[in-house]
Amino acid sequence: MARGSIPAGSPLARRCFGPSSAGLALACLWIAGCGATRHGEPWGARASITPGFGRTLDAARDALLDPWVWVPLAGATVIWAADVDSEISHWARSETPVFGSTRGAEDGSHDWRAWSQDLWIASACLTPSGDGAWPWLWNKSKGLGVQFAAKAASGELTSLGKDAFGRERPDHSDRRSMPSGHTTSAFASVTLARRNVDALRLAPAARVSLEAGLGGVGALAAWSRVEAGAHYPTDVLVGAALGTFVARFVDDLFLDATGGPSVSALLDSEQGRWSVGLAWSL
């Protein structure tokens, strides 16, 4: 292992997250996912396809005020104004202070992006979505549907941005450098995971620690792209802001909606029949 590299695929990681632990992990997720969130409602129960104009404005405002949106944008602005983008990129590729080599950084970028997605899915499973099996499954399906849509939206906007900017990568491989797709994807995942952690009944210190750790996973995924020579610093900073904004906006808009129609499904335990209802909350 090169000096300074991060063992994302270390034997310890494989033992902790390998197939042998899948059954226990699923059992723990099922137990932890029962009941209600700390806000008093099952996760996914308030999902709505028509949240309303007022909710759209609130979701956009809250997403813009997220520090993981405006801080990266401010950093990108400073780097651009100081004209040190290329200089930082060259230093990172030459010194590779975190991953030890450009190959290690390239491998690390895939590993940390994958970890961000795994943590997102795990956090979604951990969220309490109801006590009964069928309400749990229904609410969980709605919640995951919203969050998968958020991930898809961030990916589509990243592709459009790459086409619009046409910026050449530091390694001159193509002209799709801005914004970083790996970074957008990783930060969309960790943002959704942060929103899910926020729904859990945790001590404030534990919640802050988990959310900080998730941010660290996203940061490692982003920086690895710079050390690999695949992106400039401003590319990953814009990608971080884009992934965070889109994921938080879509999640808050459709998953935490308080107005508009919502569909509920119930199973009559005595008759063994499904009932589907349409509710409208103002």
Protein backbone atom coordinates (compact mmCIF):
# COMPACT_ATOMS: atom_id res chain seq x y z
CA MET A 1 0.00 0.00 0.00
CA ALA A 2 1.33 3.40 -0.94
CA ARG A 3 2.15 5.82 1.83
CA GLY A 4 -0.81 7.97 2.73
CA SER A 5 -3.37 5.88 0.83
CA ILE A 6 -6.80 5.10 2.28
CA PRO A 7 -7.68 1.38 2.49
CA ALA A 8 -11.28 1.71 1.28
CA GLY A 9 -11.27 -1.96 0.26
CA SER A 10 -9.31 -3.26 3.25
CA PRO A 11 -9.90 -6.75 4.69
CA LEU A 12 -11.54 -5.16 7.74
CA ALA A 13 -14.03 -3.35 5.54
CA ARG A 14 -14.78 -6.53 3.62
CA ARG A 15 -15.36 -8.46 6.87
CA CYS A 16 -17.63 -5.78 8.27
CA PHE A 17 -19.68 -5.25 5.12
CA GLY A 18 -19.38 -8.58 3.32
CA PRO A 19 -22.18 -11.01 2.37
CA SER A 20 -21.78 -13.01 5.61
CA SER A 21 -23.23 -10.11 7.60
CA ALA A 22 -26.15 -9.45 5.23
CA GLY A 23 -28.74 -11.49 7.15
CA LEU A 24 -27.95 -9.86 10.50
CA ALA A 25 -27.88 -6.42 8.89
CA LEU A 26 -31.31 -6.92 7.31
CA ALA A 27 -32.77 -8.11 10.60
CA CYS A 28 -31.39 -5.09 12.42
CA LEU A 29 -32.70 -2.75 9.72
CA TRP A 30 -36.18 -4.28 9.92
CA ILE A 31 -36.33 -3.90 13.71
CA ALA A 32 -34.95 -0.38 13.66
CA GLY A 33 -37.25 0.65 10.82
CA CYS A 34 -40.47 0.03 12.77
CA GLY A 35 -42.47 2.77 14.47
CA ALA A 36 -42.38 6.50 13.83
CA THR A 37 -39.69 9.09 13.24
CA ARG A 38 -38.66 11.60 15.87
CA HIS A 39 -41.15 13.98 14.25
CA GLY A 40 -43.99 11.60 15.16
CA GLU A 41 -44.89 10.16 11.75
CA PRO A 42 -43.68 7.12 9.80
CA TRP A 43 -41.00 7.93 7.25
CA GLY A 44 -42.54 8.11 3.80
CA ALA A 45 -46.11 8.54 5.04
CA ARG A 46 -46.26 12.22 4.02
CA ALA A 47 -44.94 11.71 0.49
CA SER A 48 -46.97 13.59 -2.10
CA ILE A 49 -46.77 13.98 -5.88
CA THR A 50 -48.29 17.49 -5.77
CA PRO A 51 -46.79 19.33 -2.80
CA GLY A 52 -47.97 22.77 -3.89
CA PHE A 53 -46.33 26.06 -4.85
CA GLY A 54 -45.71 27.21 -1.28
CA ARG A 55 -43.90 24.02 -0.43
CA THR A 56 -41.79 24.36 -3.58
CA LEU A 57 -40.56 27.78 -2.47
CA ASP A 58 -39.83 26.53 1.05
CA ALA A 59 -37.91 23.52 -0.25
CA ALA A 60 -35.85 25.67 -2.62
CA ARG A 61 -35.04 28.16 0.13
CA ASP A 62 -34.01 25.46 2.62
CA ALA A 63 -31.85 23.73 0.01
CA LEU A 64 -30.06 26.97 -0.87
CA LEU A 65 -29.37 27.67 2.80
CA ASP A 66 -27.81 24.24 3.35
CA PRO A 67 -24.10 24.83 4.19
CA TRP A 68 -23.14 21.98 1.85
CA VAL A 69 -24.54 24.11 -0.99
CA TRP A 70 -23.33 27.64 -0.34
CA VAL A 71 -19.95 26.79 1.24
CA PRO A 72 -18.70 24.79 -1.80
CA LEU A 73 -20.03 27.50 -4.12
CA ALA A 74 -18.21 30.15 -2.10
CA GLY A 75 -15.02 28.07 -2.25
CA ALA A 76 -15.33 27.64 -5.99
CA THR A 77 -15.81 31.39 -6.38
CA VAL A 78 -12.68 32.15 -4.36
CA ILE A 79 -10.58 29.65 -6.33
CA TRP A 80 -11.88 31.03 -9.62
CA ALA A 81 -11.27 34.63 -8.58
CA ALA A 82 -7.74 33.85 -7.39
CA ASP A 83 -7.06 31.89 -10.63
CA VAL A 84 -5.48 28.97 -8.76
CA ASP A 85 -7.67 26.13 -10.11
CA SER A 86 -4.97 24.69 -12.35
CA GLU A 87 -2.28 25.23 -9.74
CA ILE A 88 -4.15 23.27 -7.07
CA SER A 89 -4.98 20.54 -9.58
CA HIS A 90 -1.33 20.15 -10.60
CA TRP A 91 -0.19 20.03 -6.96
CA ALA A 92 -2.80 17.40 -6.05
CA ARG A 93 -1.84 15.16 -8.97
CA SER A 94 1.87 15.53 -8.29
CA GLU A 95 1.81 15.08 -4.52
CA THR A 96 -1.32 12.89 -4.06
CA PRO A 97 -1.24 13.64 -0.30
CA VAL A 98 -4.32 11.58 0.63
CA PHE A 99 -4.47 8.58 -1.71
CA GLY A 100 -0.77 8.07 -2.41
CA SER A 101 -1.01 7.84 -6.20
CA THR A 102 -3.28 8.85 -9.06
CA ARG A 103 -4.27 5.19 -9.49
CA GLY A 104 -5.11 4.98 -5.80
CA ALA A 105 -7.16 8.14 -6.11
CA GLU A 106 -9.02 6.76 -9.13
CA ASP A 107 -9.83 3.55 -7.27
CA GLY A 108 -10.74 5.53 -4.17
CA SER A 109 -13.17 7.70 -6.10
CA HIS A 110 -15.19 4.64 -7.09
CA ASP A 111 -14.99 3.15 -3.59
CA TRP A 112 -16.09 6.28 -1.74
CA ARG A 113 -18.91 6.94 -4.17
CA ALA A 114 -20.10 3.36 -3.65
CA TRP A 115 -19.85 3.79 0.12
CA SER A 116 -21.95 6.95 -0.07
CA GLN A 117 -24.67 5.06 -1.93
CA ASP A 118 -24.54 2.13 0.51
CA LEU A 119 -24.85 4.50 3.47
CA TRP A 120 -27.81 6.23 1.84
CA ILE A 121 -29.68 2.96 1.26
CA ALA A 122 -28.86 1.76 4.79
CA SER A 123 -30.13 5.01 6.29
CA ALA A 124 -33.36 4.76 4.30
CA CYS A 125 -33.90 1.24 5.63
CA LEU A 126 -33.22 2.42 9.19
CA THR A 127 -35.89 5.10 9.10
CA PRO A 128 -39.05 4.12 11.02
CA SER A 129 -41.88 3.61 8.52
CA GLY A 130 -44.67 2.11 10.66
CA ASP A 131 -45.40 -0.82 12.95
CA GLY A 132 -47.26 -3.18 10.63
CA ALA A 133 -45.62 -5.03 7.77
CA TRP A 134 -47.80 -3.62 4.99
CA PRO A 135 -47.81 0.04 6.14
CA TRP A 136 -44.05 -0.25 6.61
CA LEU A 137 -43.59 -1.58 3.09
CA TRP A 138 -45.92 1.03 1.56
CA ASN A 139 -44.33 4.00 3.32
CA LYS A 140 -40.82 2.72 2.66
CA SER A 141 -41.62 2.30 -1.04
CA LYS A 142 -42.90 5.87 -1.31
CA GLY A 143 -39.89 7.27 0.52
CA LEU A 144 -37.39 5.34 -1.55
CA GLY A 145 -39.24 6.30 -4.73
CA VAL A 146 -38.78 9.98 -3.92
CA GLN A 147 -35.12 9.55 -3.08
CA PHE A 148 -34.34 7.50 -6.18
CA ALA A 149 -35.98 10.27 -8.20
CA ALA A 150 -33.72 12.78 -6.45
CA LYS A 151 -30.66 10.76 -7.41
CA ALA A 152 -31.84 10.48 -11.01
CA ALA A 153 -32.50 14.22 -11.22
CA SER A 154 -29.02 15.06 -9.93
CA GLY A 155 -27.49 12.75 -12.53
CA GLU A 156 -29.47 14.28 -15.39
CA LEU A 157 -28.57 17.83 -14.37
CA THR A 158 -24.90 16.85 -14.10
CA SER A 159 -24.95 15.48 -17.64
CA LEU A 160 -26.59 18.67 -18.92
CA GLY A 161 -23.98 20.75 -17.11
CA LYS A 162 -21.13 18.79 -18.66
CA ASP A 163 -22.55 19.37 -22.12
CA ALA A 164 -23.13 23.07 -21.42
CA PHE A 165 -19.69 23.87 -19.97
CA GLY A 166 -17.60 21.59 -22.23
CA ARG A 167 -14.58 22.02 -19.95
CA GLU A 168 -11.51 19.90 -20.69
CA ARG A 169 -10.35 17.62 -17.90
CA PRO A 170 -6.89 18.10 -16.33
CA ASP A 171 -5.78 14.80 -17.89
CA HIS A 172 -7.09 15.96 -21.32
CA SER A 173 -9.19 12.80 -21.71
CA ASP A 174 -12.37 14.63 -22.77
CA ARG A 175 -14.33 17.86 -22.34
CA ARG A 176 -16.74 16.76 -19.60
CA SER A 177 -14.95 18.06 -16.54
CA MET A 178 -17.54 20.50 -15.11
CA PRO A 179 -19.26 19.48 -12.88
CA SER A 180 -17.87 16.27 -11.41
CA GLY A 181 -20.32 13.39 -11.81
CA HIS A 182 -18.72 11.29 -9.06
CA THR A 183 -18.96 14.20 -6.66
CA THR A 184 -22.55 15.07 -7.56
CA SER A 185 -23.59 11.46 -7.08
CA ALA A 186 -21.73 11.09 -3.77
CA PHE A 187 -23.10 14.30 -2.31
CA ALA A 188 -26.63 13.51 -3.47
CA SER A 189 -26.31 10.20 -1.62
CA VAL A 190 -24.88 11.63 1.58
CA THR A 191 -27.44 14.45 1.55
CA LEU A 192 -30.28 11.95 1.38
CA ALA A 193 -28.58 9.95 4.12
CA ARG A 194 -28.31 13.11 6.25
CA ARG A 195 -32.03 13.76 5.79
CA ASN A 196 -32.76 10.18 6.84
CA VAL A 197 -30.50 10.40 9.88
CA ASP A 198 -32.31 13.59 10.86
CA ALA A 199 -35.54 11.57 11.06
CA LEU A 200 -34.10 9.05 13.52
CA ARG A 201 -34.56 9.31 17.26
CA LEU A 202 -30.95 9.96 18.22
CA ALA A 203 -29.14 12.05 20.77
CA PRO A 204 -28.11 15.41 19.27
CA ALA A 205 -24.41 14.59 19.60
CA ALA A 206 -24.88 11.26 17.81
CA ARG A 207 -26.85 12.92 15.01
CA VAL A 208 -24.21 15.62 14.51
CA SER A 209 -21.43 13.01 14.49
CA LEU A 210 -23.19 10.85 11.92
CA GLU A 211 -23.95 13.78 9.65
CA ALA A 212 -20.35 15.00 9.91
CA GLY A 213 -19.12 11.52 9.01
CA LEU A 214 -21.40 11.42 5.99
CA GLY A 215 -20.02 14.77 4.88
CA GLY A 216 -16.53 13.34 5.21
CA VAL A 217 -17.41 10.45 2.89
CA GLY A 218 -18.60 12.93 0.28
CA ALA A 219 -15.49 15.06 0.71
CA LEU A 220 -13.21 12.06 0.17
CA ALA A 221 -15.10 11.09 -2.97
CA ALA A 222 -14.70 14.65 -4.25
CA TRP A 223 -11.02 15.11 -3.42
CA SER A 224 -10.13 11.75 -4.92
CA ARG A 225 -11.26 13.07 -8.32
CA VAL A 226 -8.84 15.98 -8.03
CA GLU A 227 -5.91 13.76 -7.07
CA ALA A 228 -6.79 11.38 -9.91
CA GLY A 229 -6.47 14.24 -12.40
CA ALA A 230 -10.06 13.78 -13.54
CA HIS A 231 -11.33 17.14 -12.29
CA TYR A 232 -10.28 20.60 -11.17
CA PRO A 233 -11.15 21.72 -7.63
CA THR A 234 -13.94 23.97 -8.90
CA ASP A 235 -15.47 21.00 -10.74
CA VAL A 236 -15.89 19.01 -7.54
CA LEU A 237 -17.03 22.00 -5.50
CA VAL A 238 -19.77 22.76 -8.01
CA GLY A 239 -20.64 19.06 -8.11
CA ALA A 240 -20.93 18.97 -4.32
CA ALA A 241 -23.24 21.98 -4.31
CA LEU A 242 -25.34 20.61 -7.18
CA GLY A 243 -25.74 17.15 -5.66
CA THR A 244 -26.66 18.58 -2.27
CA PHE A 245 -29.13 21.12 -3.64
CA VAL A 246 -31.01 18.74 -5.93
CA ALA A 247 -31.18 15.92 -3.38
CA ARG A 248 -32.36 18.15 -0.56
CA PHE A 249 -34.81 20.06 -2.74
CA VAL A 250 -36.50 16.94 -4.14
CA ASP A 251 -36.48 15.18 -0.76
CA ASP A 252 -37.99 18.12 1.11
CA LEU A 253 -40.46 18.88 -1.67
CA PHE A 254 -42.01 15.47 -2.20
CA LEU A 255 -41.11 13.40 0.86
CA ASP A 256 -41.77 15.94 3.59
CA ALA A 257 -44.78 17.49 1.91
CA THR A 258 -47.59 18.80 4.08
CA GLY A 259 -50.16 19.65 1.41
CA GLY A 260 -51.75 18.17 -1.67
CA PRO A 261 -53.12 14.67 -2.22
CA SER A 262 -51.49 11.62 -0.69
CA VAL A 263 -52.30 7.95 -1.26
CA SER A 264 -52.53 5.52 1.62
CA ALA A 265 -52.87 1.74 1.55
CA LEU A 266 -54.14 -0.40 4.43
CA LEU A 267 -54.66 -4.12 4.95
CA ASP A 268 -57.74 -5.20 6.88
CA SER A 269 -56.35 -7.87 9.22
CA GLU A 270 -59.77 -9.43 9.87
CA GLN A 271 -61.04 -9.54 6.31
CA GLY A 272 -57.65 -9.89 4.63
CA ARG A 273 -58.50 -7.21 2.10
CA TRP A 274 -56.64 -4.15 0.82
CA SER A 275 -58.12 -0.70 1.03
CA VAL A 276 -56.69 2.30 -0.78
CA GLY A 277 -57.55 5.86 0.21
CA LEU A 278 -56.90 9.32 -1.22
CA ALA A 279 -56.44 12.11 1.32
CA TRP A 280 -56.02 15.84 0.87
CA SER A 281 -54.29 17.95 3.50
CA LEU A 282 -54.22 21.74 3.41
